[in-house]
Structures are given as structure tokens and as C-alpha cells.
Amino acid sequence: MDVVPMGPGFAAELRGVTLSDIARDDAAYAAARAAFEEHSVLVFRDQQVTDEIQLEFSRRFGPPEVTKVGSQGTGSHFVILSTIGPDGKVVPPDHRLVLRNRANQLWHTDSSFKRVPALTSILSARIIPAHGGETEYVSTRLAFERLDAPMRERLENSFAWHDYAHSRSQIAPDLASPEERAALPPQCWRMVWKNPANGRGAIYLASHAYAVEGMEPAAGSKLIDELMAFATAPGTSYVHQWRKGDVVMWDNRATMHRGRPWPSHEARLMVRTTISATVADGVETMRPPSSQAAE
């Protein structure tokens, strides 16, 4: 297996290996896991992807999430990201599926709004548009390391609140359904996630973040906005140009990502599995001491 660095200081392509190799071979998994901890975003090209292979590969990294209410794939281990309706045709631009895809074009990290946040997401390309639809990534680890020492120390002792409904309201007021709001109450997490494998910290934020514990709402929102802008500054991102058979996985503890738009008449079908963070991934260190903390 060859690890070929990509992007501005993070991301790498893994060559000479398949998802099945990593799922079934301990040595291949160990090498892939080491690359994941170092580079945060891993690209696999020309994979023969099926739901079964993707799930087998995903389980190697930890327990897969069950897809939340209100999503395509609810109750399974798959999130279906598609603009194809039940009739097999591309849905119109004002369809709810399109609005949900538009929400994914905000900078975010997956599952920060859940009681158990995510270690990694694995996304496979099944149907891709001829133009557009790229996914853009930034390293919040490198962003954290660019901050001055006083700000790093401040963030290490700060906590932010995350809410799914908050990010969705930026697209449409009722995009998060009552069922989703009830199932996904706000969660509070430390603003820096330190990787137990290498000790490196990363800013833990997303479009789901709306408040900083102990700060006035306006001041907390301003700090979040400033950190988001800092982490996503021009020249800091890796933009993945999708090809059919691509699989990309990323570390939700150390990156943010967003989708890019594509022509509304072109179909796109992507399938995501998401792996919950465990004690070994440092999730326990993220919980605030307050009784308001996420369970």
C-alpha cells in the first residue's frame, strides 16, 4: 500500500489497496489507520463498492451509526445523499431533498449534534454529475496549530453548543422537522479535540455550533464565526473531484467539509456510513463537567 500525500498539508490517497483488503487484513488495517490518524482525509480510487463492502470496511474503524430520523436511509447504517426521486427522475430545485443537499454545502463536521459524535465518515460515489458536486475539506488541526498560544489555551478550556436545527435553519426555518428536533436536542462539546494517537489538537466546530458556554450569545456567536472563517481561509482546503468508484473517509475530530453545488438537472447519488467515536478515540475528554453535558 502506498500513501501519497495530497492537499495543503493534509489528505492522502491510498494506492494498491481495496476496502476489502483493509476490512479483512490486520496489517492493511493498521497501515490505513496510521495514515488516517496522520492525514485526516483518505482517498481510495477505482473501488468496486457495494453496500456490503462499504459497511464491512466501515466496521473496521468502530461502531456504525444508525441513520437518524428524517434522512434517506433512516434506521439503517447508510445515509443516502441523492436528488433522485422515487420515480427515478431528478427532483425539482425546490424539493426538500435539494434543500437538504444545500444545507450540506455549509462547513460542518458530521454528527456533532448527536449524543455520541462521529470519529469518521466514509462516502462512496455511486452516481456523479458531469460537472460540480465536489467535496471540500479543511484541517481544523492545522488551523488550531496556526492560532497563537493564548487562543489555543483559551479554546482548550472552552465548550460550544451544537444543534442540528440551528444549521438547517440557515437554509429554511422548518427544514429540521419536529421529529428531528425532538430526537436531536442540543449537545455541548469541548472546542478542542485532542487525538489520543498523537496528542495533536484540533478545533471542533461546525455550522451546527451556535453558542459558547459561559459567553453572552452575541460574543459567543462572534467567536464561532471568527474561528470558522479562520479555519476555512482561502488556500487551506483540499477539494475532491469525484469519480465513480471513489471512496473518501475523513476524521470528523480534525476536519470540516462542505459539498459544492452542481447543475440542478443532473443526478447525484452518494452513500455515507458514519462511525461513532469511542473512548479510544478521545470522546470522553470532550464532555463538559456541567450537568448540562451531553450524555
Protein backbone atom coordinates (compact mmCIF):
# COMPACT_ATOMS: atom_id res chain seq x y z
CA MET A 1 0.00 0.00 0.00
CA ASP A 2 1.33 3.43 -0.96
CA VAL A 3 0.35 6.60 0.91
CA VAL A 4 0.51 9.57 -1.46
CA PRO A 5 0.11 12.97 0.26
CA MET A 6 -2.37 15.42 -1.28
CA GLY A 7 -3.71 18.84 -0.41
CA PRO A 8 -2.19 21.70 1.62
CA GLY A 9 -0.56 19.74 4.45
CA PHE A 10 -3.25 17.10 4.94
CA ALA A 11 -5.14 14.42 2.95
CA ALA A 12 -3.61 11.43 1.19
CA GLU A 13 -4.51 8.86 -1.45
CA LEU A 14 -4.05 5.20 -0.53
CA ARG A 15 -2.98 3.19 -3.56
CA GLY A 16 -2.61 -0.54 -4.09
CA VAL A 17 -5.28 -1.46 -1.56
CA THR A 18 -9.04 -2.11 -1.59
CA LEU A 19 -11.70 -1.59 1.03
CA SER A 20 -11.96 -5.36 1.39
CA ASP A 21 -8.20 -5.66 1.99
CA ILE A 22 -8.43 -3.24 4.89
CA ALA A 23 -11.58 -4.86 6.26
CA ARG A 24 -10.10 -8.37 6.27
CA ASP A 25 -6.35 -7.97 6.80
CA ASP A 26 -4.93 -6.75 10.11
CA ALA A 27 -1.73 -5.37 8.61
CA ALA A 28 -3.61 -3.45 5.92
CA TYR A 29 -5.95 -2.03 8.53
CA ALA A 30 -3.07 -0.97 10.79
CA ALA A 31 -1.39 0.87 7.90
CA ALA A 32 -4.64 2.55 6.87
CA ARG A 33 -5.43 3.55 10.45
CA ALA A 34 -1.97 5.10 10.86
CA ALA A 35 -2.49 7.07 7.63
CA PHE A 36 -5.92 8.18 8.86
CA GLU A 37 -4.50 9.49 12.16
CA GLU A 38 -1.74 11.37 10.32
CA HIS A 39 -3.55 12.79 7.27
CA SER A 40 -7.21 13.10 8.42
CA VAL A 41 -8.63 12.64 4.87
CA LEU A 42 -8.02 9.42 2.90
CA VAL A 43 -8.93 8.88 -0.77
CA PHE A 44 -9.46 5.46 -2.39
CA ARG A 45 -9.87 5.43 -6.18
CA ASP A 46 -11.41 2.82 -8.51
CA GLN A 47 -13.14 0.79 -5.80
CA GLN A 48 -15.77 -1.83 -6.54
CA VAL A 49 -18.18 -0.51 -3.95
CA THR A 50 -21.32 -2.24 -2.74
CA ASP A 51 -23.29 -1.51 0.42
CA GLU A 52 -21.96 -4.74 1.94
CA ILE A 53 -18.31 -3.92 1.21
CA GLN A 54 -18.67 -0.36 2.46
CA LEU A 55 -20.25 -1.48 5.71
CA GLU A 56 -17.65 -4.21 6.25
CA PHE A 57 -14.86 -1.66 5.74
CA SER A 58 -16.60 0.87 7.99
CA ARG A 59 -16.99 -1.57 10.88
CA ARG A 60 -13.20 -2.00 10.98
CA PHE A 61 -12.96 1.54 12.39
CA GLY A 62 -15.68 1.27 15.03
CA PRO A 63 -19.43 1.01 15.61
CA PRO A 64 -21.52 2.37 12.72
CA GLU A 65 -24.21 4.93 13.45
CA VAL A 66 -27.86 4.18 12.82
CA THR A 67 -29.18 6.82 10.44
CA LYS A 68 -31.32 9.42 12.19
CA VAL A 69 -34.99 10.15 11.63
CA GLY A 70 -35.82 12.39 8.70
CA SER A 71 -32.98 11.16 6.48
CA GLN A 72 -32.93 8.87 3.48
CA GLY A 73 -31.78 5.58 4.93
CA THR A 74 -33.43 6.11 8.35
CA GLY A 75 -32.97 3.11 10.63
CA SER A 76 -30.14 1.59 8.56
CA HIS A 77 -26.39 2.18 8.70
CA PHE A 78 -26.49 4.16 5.44
CA VAL A 79 -27.14 7.83 4.74
CA ILE A 80 -28.38 8.19 1.16
CA LEU A 81 -27.42 11.55 -0.35
CA SER A 82 -29.43 11.82 -3.51
CA THR A 83 -31.52 14.15 -5.65
CA ILE A 84 -33.27 11.26 -7.38
CA GLY A 85 -36.96 10.86 -6.57
CA PRO A 86 -38.99 7.64 -6.26
CA ASP A 87 -39.82 7.86 -9.95
CA GLY A 88 -36.12 7.69 -10.87
CA LYS A 89 -36.05 11.30 -12.04
CA VAL A 90 -34.13 14.26 -10.64
CA VAL A 91 -36.35 16.18 -8.22
CA PRO A 92 -37.15 19.89 -8.86
CA PRO A 93 -34.94 22.64 -7.38
CA ASP A 94 -37.41 23.49 -4.59
CA HIS A 95 -37.72 19.86 -3.39
CA ARG A 96 -36.83 19.09 0.24
CA LEU A 97 -34.03 16.78 -0.91
CA VAL A 98 -32.41 19.69 -2.71
CA LEU A 99 -32.72 21.93 0.36
CA ARG A 100 -31.07 19.24 2.48
CA ASN A 101 -28.22 18.99 -0.02
CA ARG A 102 -27.90 22.77 0.17
CA ALA A 103 -27.52 22.52 3.96
CA ASN A 104 -24.59 20.16 3.37
CA GLN A 105 -22.90 23.00 1.48
CA LEU A 106 -22.31 24.72 4.84
CA TRP A 107 -18.98 23.98 6.52
CA HIS A 108 -19.59 21.23 9.05
CA THR A 109 -18.35 18.12 10.79
CA ASP A 110 -20.73 15.17 10.89
CA SER A 111 -22.75 14.27 13.99
CA SER A 112 -21.51 16.98 16.35
CA PHE A 113 -25.21 17.46 17.15
CA LYS A 114 -25.60 13.88 18.41
CA ARG A 115 -25.21 12.42 21.91
CA VAL A 116 -22.30 10.40 20.53
CA PRO A 117 -20.26 12.35 17.95
CA ALA A 118 -18.51 10.77 14.98
CA LEU A 119 -14.97 9.51 14.53
CA THR A 120 -15.07 9.14 10.76
CA SER A 121 -17.40 9.31 7.78
CA ILE A 122 -16.96 7.12 4.70
CA LEU A 123 -18.54 8.43 1.49
CA SER A 124 -18.76 6.48 -1.77
CA ALA A 125 -19.60 7.84 -5.21
CA ARG A 126 -22.33 5.84 -6.97
CA ILE A 127 -23.74 8.37 -9.48
CA ILE A 128 -21.95 11.68 -10.03
CA PRO A 129 -22.81 14.75 -12.12
CA ALA A 130 -20.68 15.67 -15.12
CA HIS A 131 -19.81 18.99 -13.51
CA GLY A 132 -19.68 20.22 -9.91
CA GLY A 133 -20.62 18.30 -6.78
CA GLU A 134 -17.08 18.31 -5.37
CA THR A 135 -16.45 17.95 -1.63
CA GLU A 136 -14.14 20.48 0.02
CA TYR A 137 -12.18 19.76 3.21
CA VAL A 138 -10.15 21.84 5.66
CA SER A 139 -7.96 20.68 8.52
CA THR A 140 -9.09 22.09 11.85
CA ARG A 141 -5.94 20.52 13.32
CA LEU A 142 -3.70 22.70 11.16
CA ALA A 143 -5.97 25.66 11.92
CA PHE A 144 -5.55 25.06 15.65
CA GLU A 145 -1.77 24.93 15.23
CA ARG A 146 -1.87 28.29 13.39
CA LEU A 147 -3.53 30.03 16.34
CA ASP A 148 -1.42 31.94 18.84
CA ALA A 149 -0.69 30.25 22.16
CA PRO A 150 -3.16 32.29 24.29
CA MET A 151 -6.05 31.46 21.95
CA ARG A 152 -5.11 27.78 21.87
CA GLU A 153 -5.11 27.70 25.67
CA ARG A 154 -8.42 29.55 25.82
CA LEU A 155 -10.13 27.14 23.41
CA GLU A 156 -8.80 24.07 25.21
CA ASN A 157 -10.86 25.17 28.21
CA SER A 158 -13.98 26.26 26.30
CA PHE A 159 -17.13 24.42 25.26
CA ALA A 160 -19.56 25.04 22.40
CA TRP A 161 -23.18 24.05 21.91
CA HIS A 162 -24.19 22.26 18.70
CA ASP A 163 -27.72 21.91 17.32
CA TYR A 164 -28.92 20.27 14.10
CA ALA A 165 -31.90 22.62 13.87
CA HIS A 166 -29.57 25.63 14.03
CA SER A 167 -27.65 24.70 10.90
CA ARG A 168 -30.79 23.70 8.99
CA SER A 169 -32.49 26.99 9.86
CA GLN A 170 -29.79 28.78 7.86
CA ILE A 171 -31.35 27.22 4.74
CA ALA A 172 -35.06 27.20 5.65
CA PRO A 173 -36.81 27.82 9.00
CA ASP A 174 -38.64 24.47 9.01
CA LEU A 175 -36.00 22.31 7.31
CA ALA A 176 -35.47 20.40 10.57
CA SER A 177 -38.74 18.59 11.23
CA PRO A 178 -40.39 18.43 14.70
CA GLU A 179 -39.36 14.76 14.87
CA GLU A 180 -35.73 15.67 14.18
CA ARG A 181 -35.76 18.47 16.75
CA ALA A 182 -37.16 16.10 19.38
CA ALA A 183 -34.65 13.36 18.58
CA LEU A 184 -31.64 15.68 18.37
CA PRO A 185 -31.50 18.11 21.31
CA PRO A 186 -28.50 20.47 21.55
CA GLN A 187 -25.18 18.97 22.63
CA CYS A 188 -22.19 20.59 24.33
CA TRP A 189 -18.61 19.66 23.41
CA ARG A 190 -15.12 20.89 24.18
CA MET A 191 -13.87 23.27 21.46
CA VAL A 192 -10.59 21.37 21.02
CA TRP A 193 -10.43 17.62 20.37
CA LYS A 194 -7.05 16.09 21.13
CA ASN A 195 -6.13 12.95 19.23
CA PRO A 196 -5.04 10.19 21.65
CA ALA A 197 -2.85 8.61 18.94
CA ASN A 198 -0.56 11.63 18.51
CA GLY A 199 -1.59 14.26 21.05
CA ARG A 200 -2.39 16.86 18.39
CA GLY A 201 -5.36 19.13 18.98
CA ALA A 202 -7.98 20.32 16.51
CA ILE A 203 -10.68 22.97 16.67
CA TYR A 204 -14.03 21.18 16.99
CA LEU A 205 -16.66 23.33 15.31
CA ALA A 206 -19.26 23.21 12.56
CA SER A 207 -22.24 25.05 11.14
CA HIS A 208 -24.19 23.24 13.89
CA ALA A 209 -22.36 25.30 16.58
CA TYR A 210 -24.38 28.24 17.84
CA ALA A 211 -23.17 29.24 21.33
CA VAL A 212 -20.15 29.13 23.63
CA GLU A 213 -20.75 28.02 27.20
CA GLY A 214 -20.39 30.93 29.64
CA MET A 215 -20.35 33.66 26.97
CA GLU A 216 -23.04 36.15 26.06
CA PRO A 217 -24.89 34.91 22.93
CA ALA A 218 -23.58 37.67 20.64
CA ALA A 219 -19.99 37.28 21.82
CA GLY A 220 -20.10 33.50 21.56
CA SER A 221 -21.57 33.64 18.06
CA LYS A 222 -18.89 36.14 17.04
CA LEU A 223 -16.11 33.86 18.33
CA ILE A 224 -17.56 30.88 16.46
CA ASP A 225 -17.83 32.89 13.24
CA GLU A 226 -14.26 34.14 13.56
CA LEU A 227 -12.89 30.64 14.19
CA MET A 228 -14.90 29.20 11.29
CA ALA A 229 -13.54 31.89 8.96
CA PHE A 230 -10.00 31.31 10.23
CA ALA A 231 -10.19 27.54 9.74
CA THR A 232 -11.63 27.86 6.21
CA ALA A 233 -9.39 30.67 4.95
CA PRO A 234 -8.59 30.68 1.21
CA GLY A 235 -5.77 28.34 0.27
CA THR A 236 -6.28 25.94 3.19
CA SER A 237 -8.67 23.42 1.59
CA TYR A 238 -8.43 20.17 -0.34
CA VAL A 239 -11.14 19.91 -3.00
CA HIS A 240 -12.02 16.37 -4.03
CA GLN A 241 -13.11 15.95 -7.64
CA TRP A 242 -15.31 12.86 -7.58
CA ARG A 243 -15.09 9.93 -9.99
CA LYS A 244 -17.36 6.91 -9.94
CA GLY A 245 -15.80 4.30 -7.65
CA ASP A 246 -14.17 6.87 -5.37
CA VAL A 247 -14.39 6.41 -1.63
CA VAL A 248 -13.26 9.17 0.73
CA MET A 249 -13.08 8.92 4.51
CA TRP A 250 -12.32 11.76 6.88
CA ASP A 251 -11.66 12.38 10.56
CA ASN A 252 -14.58 14.34 11.98
CA ARG A 253 -12.46 15.22 15.02
CA ALA A 254 -9.93 17.12 12.90
CA THR A 255 -11.65 18.38 9.74
CA MET A 256 -14.63 20.28 8.42
CA HIS A 257 -16.11 19.74 5.00
CA ARG A 258 -18.80 21.01 2.66
CA GLY A 259 -20.36 19.92 -0.59
CA ARG A 260 -20.22 22.09 -3.66
CA PRO A 261 -23.25 22.71 -5.89
CA TRP A 262 -23.87 21.07 -9.24
CA PRO A 263 -26.39 21.66 -12.09
CA SER A 264 -29.89 21.10 -10.73
CA HIS A 265 -30.88 18.83 -13.61
CA GLU A 266 -28.01 16.36 -13.07
CA ALA A 267 -28.39 13.34 -10.80
CA ARG A 268 -26.07 12.62 -7.88
CA LEU A 269 -26.11 9.59 -5.58
CA MET A 270 -23.63 9.20 -2.74
CA VAL A 271 -23.76 6.72 0.13
CA ARG A 272 -22.29 7.53 3.54
CA THR A 273 -21.54 5.40 6.55
CA THR A 274 -20.56 7.12 9.79
CA ILE A 275 -18.58 5.62 12.66
CA SER A 276 -19.24 6.72 16.24
CA ALA A 277 -16.33 7.93 18.34
CA THR A 278 -15.39 5.76 21.32
CA VAL A 279 -13.34 6.16 24.48
CA ALA A 280 -10.27 5.07 22.48
CA ASP A 281 -10.90 7.98 20.09
CA GLY A 282 -10.89 10.51 22.92
CA VAL A 283 -14.63 11.17 23.11
CA GLU A 284 -14.72 11.09 26.92
CA THR A 285 -12.34 14.06 27.10
CA MET A 286 -14.85 16.15 25.11
CA ARG A 287 -17.63 16.09 27.66
CA PRO A 288 -18.08 19.17 29.89
CA PRO A 289 -18.28 18.70 33.67
CA SER A 290 -21.61 20.53 33.83
CA SER A 291 -24.82 18.59 34.48
CA GLN A 292 -25.99 20.07 31.16
CA ALA A 293 -23.39 17.98 29.34
CA ALA A 294 -24.26 15.53 26.60
CA GLU A 295 -24.94 12.07 27.97
